[in-house]
Amino acid sequence: MKYELIKDFKNERFRQVTGVNIATFDKMVQVVKQALFANGKTKGRNYKLSVEDMLLLTLEYYKEYRTFDCIGASYGMHKSNVYRTIVLVENVLIKCGLFKLDGKKTLLDPNTEIEIIVVDTTEVPIERPKKGQKHYYSGKKNDIR
C-alpha cells in the first residue's frame, strides 16, 4: 500500500494500518529525510520510492511479517531492493536514538509484572511399522478377479 492512499486517514485508523501514530510517523519521516538527504544529494541513483513509502514499507514488514516477495509485488520492486530499503530505514532509525523499545533491563526491574504462558510441546512417538513385518509382506498387490 502506498502512502498516498493512507495519508488522509484519521489518527486511529492510521495507527491500525501502520502501527504508529501520525505524529510519530511524521517524526520518522523527518529523521529519514535528514539522514538520506543531508548534503542535498544521494549517493548513486535516485530512490524509486518516496521517503514516506520507504518508511511505510518498513513498518508493513515489521507489523505484518510479510515476505519480501509479497511486499515487493505491492510496491513494484524486487525482493532484494525491498530488503535493502528495510535495512536502510532501520539503520537510520536505530542510529537516531529517538525510536527504541525498552531493553532487557526493564525486565530486571522488581516493579515490572511479568506474565508467563506455558505451552505443552511434548513429543508424541509416531507409530511406524516394525522391522519384523518383512518376512510375511512382500509389498505386492494381489490381483483378485
Protein backbone atom coordinates (compact mmCIF):
# COMPACT_ATOMS: atom_id res chain seq x y z
CA MET A 1 0.00 0.00 0.00
CA LYS A 2 1.32 3.41 -0.87
CA TYR A 3 1.41 6.42 1.42
CA GLU A 4 -0.89 8.37 -0.90
CA LEU A 5 -3.74 6.00 -0.02
CA ILE A 6 -3.47 6.39 3.76
CA LYS A 7 -2.23 9.95 4.27
CA ASP A 8 -5.78 11.26 4.87
CA PHE A 9 -6.73 8.60 7.44
CA LYS A 10 -7.65 9.71 10.93
CA ASN A 11 -5.10 9.02 13.66
CA GLU A 12 -6.82 5.87 14.98
CA ARG A 13 -7.19 4.23 11.56
CA PHE A 14 -3.66 5.29 10.56
CA ARG A 15 -2.32 3.59 13.70
CA GLN A 16 -4.29 0.42 12.94
CA VAL A 17 -2.79 0.24 9.47
CA THR A 18 0.80 1.23 10.21
CA GLY A 19 1.27 0.53 13.91
CA VAL A 20 2.37 4.11 14.74
CA ASN A 21 0.59 7.45 15.23
CA ILE A 22 0.63 10.11 12.55
CA ALA A 23 2.86 12.35 14.68
CA THR A 24 5.37 9.53 15.21
CA PHE A 25 5.29 8.70 11.50
CA ASP A 26 5.99 12.35 10.63
CA LYS A 27 8.95 12.44 13.05
CA MET A 28 10.30 9.24 11.48
CA VAL A 29 9.96 10.73 8.00
CA GLN A 30 11.88 13.85 9.09
CA VAL A 31 14.68 11.75 10.59
CA VAL A 32 14.99 9.55 7.50
CA LYS A 33 14.92 12.58 5.17
CA GLN A 34 17.65 14.28 7.18
CA ALA A 35 19.83 11.19 7.07
CA LEU A 36 19.33 10.40 3.39
CA PHE A 37 19.43 13.91 2.01
CA ALA A 38 21.80 15.59 4.46
CA ASN A 39 24.09 17.03 1.78
CA GLY A 40 21.35 17.76 -0.71
CA LYS A 41 22.05 14.73 -2.87
CA THR A 42 22.22 10.99 -2.56
CA LYS A 43 24.90 8.50 -3.43
CA GLY A 44 24.28 6.75 -6.73
CA ARG A 45 20.87 6.54 -8.34
CA ASN A 46 17.77 8.23 -7.00
CA TYR A 47 15.42 6.19 -4.87
CA LYS A 48 12.42 4.64 -6.61
CA LEU A 49 10.15 5.24 -3.62
CA SER A 50 9.49 8.40 -1.66
CA VAL A 51 10.74 8.52 1.92
CA GLU A 52 7.16 8.09 3.16
CA ASP A 53 6.75 4.93 1.08
CA MET A 54 10.11 3.59 2.23
CA LEU A 55 9.10 4.05 5.86
CA LEU A 56 5.65 2.59 5.24
CA LEU A 57 7.25 -0.43 3.54
CA THR A 58 9.44 -0.97 6.61
CA LEU A 59 6.53 -0.63 9.01
CA GLU A 60 4.47 -3.07 6.92
CA TYR A 61 7.25 -5.62 7.12
CA TYR A 62 7.53 -5.38 10.90
CA LYS A 63 3.78 -5.25 11.54
CA GLU A 64 2.60 -8.00 9.20
CA TYR A 65 5.74 -10.15 8.73
CA ARG A 66 5.04 -10.49 5.02
CA THR A 67 7.76 -11.89 2.80
CA PHE A 68 10.00 -9.61 0.77
CA ASP A 69 8.41 -11.04 -2.38
CA CYS A 70 4.90 -10.05 -1.27
CA ILE A 71 5.93 -6.56 -0.27
CA GLY A 72 7.94 -6.19 -3.47
CA ALA A 73 4.88 -7.14 -5.52
CA SER A 74 2.86 -4.43 -3.73
CA TYR A 75 5.45 -1.75 -4.45
CA GLY A 76 6.68 -2.96 -7.84
CA MET A 77 10.17 -3.82 -6.58
CA HIS A 78 12.40 -6.87 -6.45
CA LYS A 79 12.76 -8.62 -3.10
CA SER A 80 16.43 -7.68 -2.81
CA ASN A 81 15.57 -3.99 -3.17
CA VAL A 82 12.87 -4.38 -0.53
CA TYR A 83 15.44 -5.90 1.83
CA ARG A 84 17.93 -3.08 1.18
CA THR A 85 15.24 -0.46 1.77
CA ILE A 86 14.19 -2.03 5.07
CA VAL A 87 17.80 -2.26 6.30
CA LEU A 88 18.49 1.35 5.24
CA VAL A 89 15.46 2.78 7.06
CA GLU A 90 16.03 0.53 10.06
CA ASN A 91 19.66 1.63 10.43
CA VAL A 92 18.74 5.30 10.17
CA LEU A 93 16.05 4.98 12.86
CA ILE A 94 18.33 2.99 15.17
CA LYS A 95 21.20 5.45 14.77
CA CYS A 96 18.85 8.36 15.52
CA GLY A 97 18.06 7.01 19.00
CA LEU A 98 14.58 8.59 19.23
CA PHE A 99 12.68 5.42 18.39
CA LYS A 100 13.58 2.42 20.50
CA LEU A 101 11.98 -0.31 22.54
CA ASP A 102 12.69 -0.88 26.20
CA GLY A 103 15.75 -3.01 26.77
CA LYS A 104 16.41 -6.09 28.87
CA LYS A 105 16.99 -4.03 32.00
CA THR A 106 13.28 -3.21 32.28
CA LEU A 107 12.63 -6.92 32.83
CA LEU A 108 15.04 -6.87 35.78
CA ASP A 109 13.11 -4.05 37.47
CA PRO A 110 11.31 -5.52 40.51
CA ASN A 111 8.22 -3.37 39.90
CA THR A 112 7.62 -4.91 36.47
CA GLU A 113 4.89 -7.53 36.27
CA ILE A 114 5.79 -10.47 34.08
CA GLU A 115 3.11 -12.71 32.65
CA ILE A 116 4.22 -16.24 31.84
CA ILE A 117 2.38 -18.54 29.48
CA VAL A 118 3.32 -22.22 29.43
CA VAL A 119 2.69 -24.28 26.32
CA ASP A 120 2.91 -28.07 26.41
CA THR A 121 5.03 -29.19 23.47
CA THR A 122 5.92 -32.75 24.43
CA GLU A 123 6.85 -35.13 21.68
CA VAL A 124 4.48 -37.89 20.68
CA PRO A 125 6.05 -41.02 19.17
CA ILE A 126 4.97 -41.83 15.63
CA GLU A 127 3.70 -45.34 15.02
CA ARG A 128 5.84 -46.95 12.38
CA PRO A 129 5.84 -50.49 11.03
CA LYS A 130 8.00 -52.92 12.91
CA LYS A 131 11.12 -54.36 11.30
CA GLY A 132 9.78 -57.92 11.59
CA GLN A 133 6.99 -57.35 9.05
CA LYS A 134 9.22 -58.08 6.06
CA HIS A 135 9.08 -61.89 6.27
CA TYR A 136 5.32 -62.11 5.55
CA TYR A 137 4.65 -58.95 3.48
CA SER A 138 6.15 -58.65 0.02
CA GLY A 139 4.63 -55.32 -0.91
CA LYS A 140 2.95 -56.72 -3.99
CA LYS A 141 -0.72 -56.13 -4.62
CA ASN A 142 -2.70 -59.27 -5.27
CA ASP A 143 -4.88 -59.04 -8.32
CA ILE A 144 -8.10 -60.83 -7.37
CA ARG A 145 -10.55 -61.46 -10.21
